[in-house]
Amino acid sequence: MKNKYLIVITIILSIIAIISSSSKKETAFFNNDKVEVTIKDVANNEETNLDLEEYVIGVVAGEMPASFEIEALKAQAVAARSYALAKISTSTTSYDLVTDITNQVYITVEEMQKKWGTDFDFYYNRIKDAVESTKNIVIKYNGKIISAYYFAMSNGSTEDVSLVFGEERDYLKSVDSAWDETVKNFIVTTEFTFSDFCTKLDIDCANISIDSINRSPTNRVTSIVINNKEFKGTTFRSLLNLRSTDFTIEIADNIKITTKGYGHGVGMSQYGANEMAKNGANYEEILTHYYQDVDISKINV
């Protein structure tokens, strides 16, 4: 009987500890305390604590071309900050985020110097200005900071999150992003040898037949059957390292796959954001276009 009581007490204390930890993280957001992010470098597995705003500078530098319009850079800063805080609030590990595309790409100042060379000062200060001018600003839906997904370039529309990540988030529904269609490399064709194509898909190469292709309302492939083997569109894209799931296949002397856009398609299109900025949109207008029914406000509001 004593053992049972001990087990119950242990469970209760564990729950209290979890709630307390979560509460401390939220308190840090809403009391204007200095918010720190613990990141894990995937290259060496080292964990580092960074000030949130310093982290956001590294993410904007790693995720968006520094030559983009300033309002697009601001939109990226707010999206990156929101994504980070949403991840922190649910973190159950010693670190909050990793430094690659699993979460958000983060690069150090040294990596920025290598990336930009003699243009380092110009680009670094540009990104720093974008981050500092949006300090503590986040995206909220129903009062809660959102998981602000973003990607490079749409196929003309963004995608519903449920069709890519299997989640239900009302602020991540499909919206128009026709600006992307004017961007360089919107349409790209990649060629594969039969051997390479079959090896990557693990299918028999004697006779390649495409039995069916199912598409979402935005024309992205949700599933494809090749040689009686079914692939999810996202899996097919990953196996062949395609730019997007909006693709067509041509089989002749080799296999040509033509894609539109670049990335998973959920949330803010970075190139779309840049084109919107070129057309005069500010960062709030960009964000409220790509994330539906949201509020742009300070962390502690």
Protein backbone atom coordinates (compact mmCIF):
# COMPACT_ATOMS: atom_id res chain seq x y z
CA MET A 1 0.00 0.00 0.00
CA LYS A 2 2.86 2.37 0.89
CA ASN A 3 4.38 1.75 -2.53
CA LYS A 4 1.13 2.77 -4.20
CA TYR A 5 1.07 6.04 -2.24
CA LEU A 6 4.68 6.70 -3.19
CA ILE A 7 3.91 6.14 -6.87
CA VAL A 8 0.93 8.52 -6.73
CA ILE A 9 2.99 11.19 -4.94
CA THR A 10 5.82 10.82 -7.51
CA ILE A 11 3.40 11.27 -10.41
CA ILE A 12 1.84 14.35 -8.81
CA LEU A 13 5.25 15.92 -8.16
CA SER A 14 6.27 15.23 -11.80
CA ILE A 15 3.14 16.94 -13.09
CA ILE A 16 3.77 19.94 -10.81
CA ALA A 17 7.36 20.16 -12.07
CA ILE A 18 6.23 20.14 -15.72
CA ILE A 19 3.58 22.79 -15.09
CA SER A 20 6.07 24.89 -13.13
CA SER A 21 8.65 24.66 -15.94
CA SER A 22 6.09 25.65 -18.56
CA SER A 23 4.84 28.49 -16.36
CA LYS A 24 8.37 29.86 -15.94
CA LYS A 25 8.85 29.92 -19.72
CA GLU A 26 5.57 31.77 -20.25
CA THR A 27 6.38 34.17 -17.41
CA ALA A 28 9.65 35.04 -19.14
CA PHE A 29 7.66 36.03 -22.25
CA PHE A 30 5.12 38.20 -20.54
CA ASN A 31 7.14 40.03 -17.88
CA ASN A 32 9.54 41.66 -20.32
CA ASP A 33 12.37 39.57 -18.89
CA LYS A 34 15.31 38.74 -21.10
CA VAL A 35 14.20 35.74 -23.13
CA GLU A 36 16.86 33.17 -23.85
CA VAL A 37 16.81 30.43 -26.46
CA THR A 38 18.79 27.23 -26.05
CA ILE A 39 19.87 25.95 -29.44
CA LYS A 40 21.53 22.69 -30.39
CA ASP A 41 24.11 22.88 -33.17
CA VAL A 42 23.45 19.86 -35.38
CA ALA A 43 27.03 19.90 -36.63
CA ASN A 44 28.65 19.24 -33.24
CA ASN A 45 25.70 18.54 -30.88
CA GLU A 46 26.73 21.47 -28.68
CA GLU A 47 24.06 23.47 -26.87
CA THR A 48 24.25 27.26 -26.58
CA ASN A 49 22.12 29.86 -24.79
CA LEU A 50 21.36 32.97 -26.81
CA ASP A 51 19.33 36.11 -26.32
CA LEU A 52 16.14 35.75 -28.38
CA GLU A 53 16.85 38.77 -30.56
CA GLU A 54 20.39 37.62 -31.28
CA TYR A 55 18.95 34.25 -32.29
CA VAL A 56 16.43 35.91 -34.61
CA ILE A 57 19.22 37.81 -36.39
CA GLY A 58 20.96 34.48 -37.05
CA VAL A 59 17.74 32.93 -38.35
CA VAL A 60 16.88 35.79 -40.71
CA ALA A 61 20.46 35.63 -42.02
CA GLY A 62 20.18 31.88 -42.52
CA GLU A 63 16.65 31.71 -43.89
CA MET A 64 16.13 34.74 -46.15
CA PRO A 65 18.36 36.47 -48.72
CA ALA A 66 19.76 39.59 -47.04
CA SER A 67 19.15 41.52 -50.28
CA PHE A 68 15.39 41.19 -49.88
CA GLU A 69 13.23 44.25 -49.23
CA ILE A 70 13.41 45.58 -45.66
CA GLU A 71 9.69 44.93 -45.04
CA ALA A 72 10.14 41.31 -46.12
CA LEU A 73 13.08 41.01 -43.71
CA LYS A 74 10.90 42.44 -40.94
CA ALA A 75 8.15 39.93 -41.73
CA GLN A 76 10.73 37.13 -41.59
CA ALA A 77 12.00 38.41 -38.23
CA VAL A 78 8.51 38.38 -36.70
CA ALA A 79 7.74 34.94 -38.16
CA ALA A 80 11.05 33.52 -36.88
CA ARG A 81 10.53 35.02 -33.42
CA SER A 82 6.98 33.65 -33.23
CA TYR A 83 8.05 30.19 -34.37
CA ALA A 84 10.84 30.12 -31.79
CA LEU A 85 8.62 31.15 -28.89
CA ALA A 86 5.95 28.65 -29.88
CA LYS A 87 8.62 25.92 -29.84
CA ILE A 88 10.05 27.06 -26.51
CA SER A 89 6.62 26.94 -24.85
CA THR A 90 6.30 23.24 -25.72
CA SER A 91 9.95 22.18 -25.36
CA THR A 92 10.52 19.03 -23.30
CA THR A 93 14.27 18.73 -23.91
CA SER A 94 17.33 20.54 -22.58
CA TYR A 95 17.34 22.59 -25.80
CA ASP A 96 14.53 24.50 -27.52
CA LEU A 97 15.51 24.41 -31.18
CA VAL A 98 18.08 22.90 -33.51
CA THR A 99 20.05 24.96 -36.00
CA ASP A 100 19.01 23.33 -39.28
CA ILE A 101 15.83 23.03 -41.36
CA THR A 102 14.35 20.67 -38.80
CA ASN A 103 13.31 23.90 -37.06
CA GLN A 104 14.85 27.10 -38.45
CA VAL A 105 18.26 27.56 -40.02
CA TYR A 106 20.45 29.60 -37.68
CA ILE A 107 23.92 30.82 -38.64
CA THR A 108 26.56 32.48 -36.49
CA VAL A 109 28.23 35.84 -37.13
CA GLU A 110 31.32 33.96 -38.33
CA GLU A 111 29.20 32.07 -40.84
CA MET A 112 27.61 35.33 -41.98
CA GLN A 113 31.07 36.81 -42.56
CA LYS A 114 32.00 33.82 -44.69
CA LYS A 115 28.68 33.98 -46.55
CA TRP A 116 28.75 37.71 -47.35
CA GLY A 117 32.47 38.47 -47.47
CA THR A 118 33.15 42.15 -48.05
CA ASP A 119 29.41 42.89 -47.92
CA PHE A 120 29.14 41.60 -44.35
CA ASP A 121 28.74 44.98 -42.62
CA PHE A 122 26.05 46.12 -45.05
CA TYR A 123 23.95 42.96 -44.88
CA TYR A 124 24.43 42.36 -41.15
CA ASN A 125 23.31 45.87 -40.27
CA ARG A 126 20.37 45.57 -42.63
CA ILE A 127 19.13 42.41 -40.92
CA LYS A 128 19.90 43.77 -37.47
CA ASP A 129 17.79 46.86 -38.24
CA ALA A 130 14.90 44.65 -39.39
CA VAL A 131 15.07 42.61 -36.19
CA GLU A 132 15.50 45.58 -33.84
CA SER A 133 12.65 47.53 -35.44
CA THR A 134 10.30 44.60 -34.74
CA LYS A 135 11.72 43.73 -31.29
CA ASN A 136 9.30 41.68 -29.15
CA ILE A 137 6.67 41.70 -31.89
CA VAL A 138 4.99 38.34 -32.56
CA ILE A 139 2.04 36.82 -34.39
CA LYS A 140 -0.90 35.63 -32.27
CA TYR A 141 -4.07 33.69 -32.97
CA ASN A 142 -6.73 33.81 -30.26
CA GLY A 143 -4.14 35.34 -27.94
CA LYS A 144 -1.57 32.58 -28.39
CA ILE A 145 1.74 32.88 -30.25
CA ILE A 146 1.50 30.83 -33.45
CA SER A 147 3.72 28.25 -35.09
CA ALA A 148 4.62 30.57 -37.93
CA TYR A 149 5.63 28.17 -40.70
CA TYR A 150 7.24 29.66 -43.78
CA PHE A 151 8.97 28.48 -46.94
CA ALA A 152 10.79 29.81 -49.99
CA MET A 153 8.39 30.12 -52.93
CA SER A 154 4.81 29.04 -53.62
CA ASN A 155 3.32 27.60 -56.80
CA GLY A 156 0.92 30.55 -56.90
CA SER A 157 -0.92 29.58 -53.72
CA THR A 158 0.10 28.44 -50.25
CA GLU A 159 -1.04 25.04 -48.98
CA ASP A 160 -3.36 24.02 -46.14
CA VAL A 161 -1.21 22.78 -43.25
CA SER A 162 -3.39 19.67 -42.83
CA LEU A 163 -2.31 18.38 -46.25
CA VAL A 164 1.41 18.71 -45.48
CA PHE A 165 1.93 18.25 -41.76
CA GLY A 166 -1.38 16.67 -40.78
CA GLU A 167 -2.17 19.48 -38.35
CA GLU A 168 -5.32 21.54 -37.92
CA ARG A 169 -4.48 25.21 -37.57
CA ASP A 170 -7.06 27.75 -38.69
CA TYR A 171 -4.42 30.41 -39.35
CA LEU A 172 -2.54 28.16 -41.83
CA LYS A 173 -5.06 27.77 -44.63
CA SER A 174 -4.36 28.18 -48.34
CA VAL A 175 -4.13 31.75 -49.66
CA ASP A 176 -3.26 33.26 -53.03
CA SER A 177 0.40 34.08 -53.66
CA ALA A 178 0.44 34.88 -57.36
CA TRP A 179 3.46 37.18 -56.87
CA ASP A 180 5.70 34.10 -56.83
CA GLU A 181 4.89 33.30 -60.44
CA THR A 182 6.99 36.26 -61.58
CA VAL A 183 10.11 35.16 -59.68
CA LYS A 184 13.18 33.70 -61.37
CA ASN A 185 13.37 29.89 -61.16
CA PHE A 186 9.65 29.62 -60.43
CA ILE A 187 9.61 26.68 -62.86
CA VAL A 188 12.56 24.29 -62.76
CA THR A 189 13.11 20.99 -64.59
CA THR A 190 15.28 18.27 -63.06
CA GLU A 191 16.46 15.27 -65.07
CA PHE A 192 17.05 11.75 -63.73
CA THR A 193 18.50 8.65 -65.33
CA PHE A 194 16.21 5.63 -65.14
CA SER A 195 18.65 3.92 -62.80
CA ASP A 196 18.88 6.86 -60.42
CA PHE A 197 15.11 7.40 -60.43
CA CYS A 198 14.34 3.73 -59.70
CA THR A 199 17.02 3.43 -57.04
CA LYS A 200 15.78 6.46 -55.14
CA LEU A 201 12.20 5.16 -55.22
CA ASP A 202 13.18 1.51 -54.72
CA ILE A 203 11.11 0.31 -57.67
CA ASP A 204 11.66 -2.11 -60.54
CA CYS A 205 13.11 -0.35 -63.56
CA ALA A 206 12.03 -2.86 -66.22
CA ASN A 207 8.93 -0.86 -67.05
CA ILE A 208 7.99 2.42 -65.39
CA SER A 209 4.27 3.17 -65.29
CA ILE A 210 2.54 6.04 -63.54
CA ASP A 211 -0.82 4.62 -62.50
CA SER A 212 -2.36 7.65 -60.80
CA ILE A 213 -1.62 11.11 -59.46
CA ASN A 214 -3.87 12.81 -56.91
CA ARG A 215 -3.62 16.55 -56.34
CA SER A 216 -4.79 19.02 -53.73
CA PRO A 217 -6.93 22.05 -54.67
CA THR A 218 -3.68 24.01 -55.10
CA ASN A 219 -2.39 21.44 -57.65
CA ARG A 220 0.23 19.93 -55.34
CA VAL A 221 0.60 16.17 -55.54
CA THR A 222 -0.86 14.46 -52.47
CA SER A 223 -0.19 10.92 -53.70
CA ILE A 224 1.29 9.17 -56.71
CA VAL A 225 1.33 5.50 -57.73
CA ILE A 226 4.32 4.27 -59.74
CA ASN A 227 4.70 0.60 -60.68
CA ASN A 228 1.87 -0.20 -58.24
CA LYS A 229 3.79 1.45 -55.38
CA GLU A 230 2.05 4.40 -53.72
CA PHE A 231 3.96 7.43 -52.42
CA LYS A 232 2.70 10.45 -50.52
CA GLY A 233 3.52 13.59 -52.47
CA THR A 234 5.73 14.86 -49.64
CA THR A 235 7.58 11.53 -49.49
CA PHE A 236 8.09 11.48 -53.26
CA ARG A 237 9.49 15.00 -53.12
CA SER A 238 11.87 14.07 -50.31
CA LEU A 239 13.15 10.89 -51.97
CA LEU A 240 13.97 12.72 -55.21
CA ASN A 241 14.99 16.00 -53.54
CA LEU A 242 12.47 17.95 -55.62
CA ARG A 243 11.86 21.66 -55.09
CA SER A 244 8.13 21.21 -54.44
CA THR A 245 5.19 18.82 -54.66
CA ASP A 246 3.66 20.68 -57.61
CA PHE A 247 5.29 18.65 -60.35
CA THR A 248 4.77 16.93 -63.69
CA ILE A 249 6.70 13.94 -64.99
CA GLU A 250 7.86 13.29 -68.54
CA ILE A 251 9.30 9.87 -69.43
CA ALA A 252 11.38 9.67 -72.62
CA ASP A 253 15.12 9.00 -73.01
CA ASN A 254 15.37 9.92 -69.34
CA ILE A 255 12.94 11.18 -66.71
CA LYS A 256 12.21 14.89 -66.51
CA ILE A 257 10.34 16.30 -63.52
CA THR A 258 9.21 19.91 -63.71
CA THR A 259 8.33 21.71 -60.49
CA LYS A 260 6.66 25.00 -59.64
CA GLY A 261 7.75 26.89 -56.53
CA TYR A 262 10.12 25.77 -53.81
CA GLY A 263 9.37 24.41 -50.35
CA HIS A 264 6.57 22.75 -48.40
CA GLY A 265 4.07 25.49 -49.19
CA VAL A 266 2.69 26.17 -45.70
CA GLY A 267 2.51 29.66 -44.20
CA MET A 268 4.47 32.62 -45.53
CA SER A 269 6.11 32.47 -48.92
CA GLN A 270 9.41 34.31 -48.57
CA TYR A 271 9.64 35.27 -52.22
CA GLY A 272 5.98 36.22 -52.17
CA ALA A 273 6.66 38.41 -49.14
CA ASN A 274 9.49 40.10 -51.01
CA GLU A 275 7.31 40.77 -54.04
CA MET A 276 4.57 42.17 -51.78
CA ALA A 277 7.15 44.48 -50.20
CA LYS A 278 8.28 45.61 -53.65
CA ASN A 279 4.65 46.52 -54.33
CA GLY A 280 4.48 48.67 -51.18
CA ALA A 281 3.18 46.27 -48.52
CA ASN A 282 4.56 46.65 -45.00
CA TYR A 283 5.52 43.69 -42.81
CA GLU A 284 2.17 43.64 -40.98
CA GLU A 285 0.27 43.50 -44.27
CA ILE A 286 2.52 40.67 -45.43
CA LEU A 287 2.01 38.66 -42.25
CA THR A 288 -1.75 39.13 -42.06
CA HIS A 289 -2.03 37.98 -45.66
CA TYR A 290 -0.19 34.72 -45.17
CA TYR A 291 -1.43 33.96 -41.63
CA GLN A 292 -5.21 34.29 -41.40
CA ASP A 293 -7.14 36.09 -38.67
CA VAL A 294 -4.04 36.82 -36.59
CA ASP A 295 -2.93 39.77 -34.48
CA ILE A 296 0.50 41.36 -34.72
CA SER A 297 1.43 42.57 -31.25
CA LYS A 298 4.06 42.71 -28.53
CA ILE A 299 4.96 39.53 -26.67
CA ASN A 300 3.58 40.81 -23.37
CA VAL A 301 0.26 42.14 -24.66
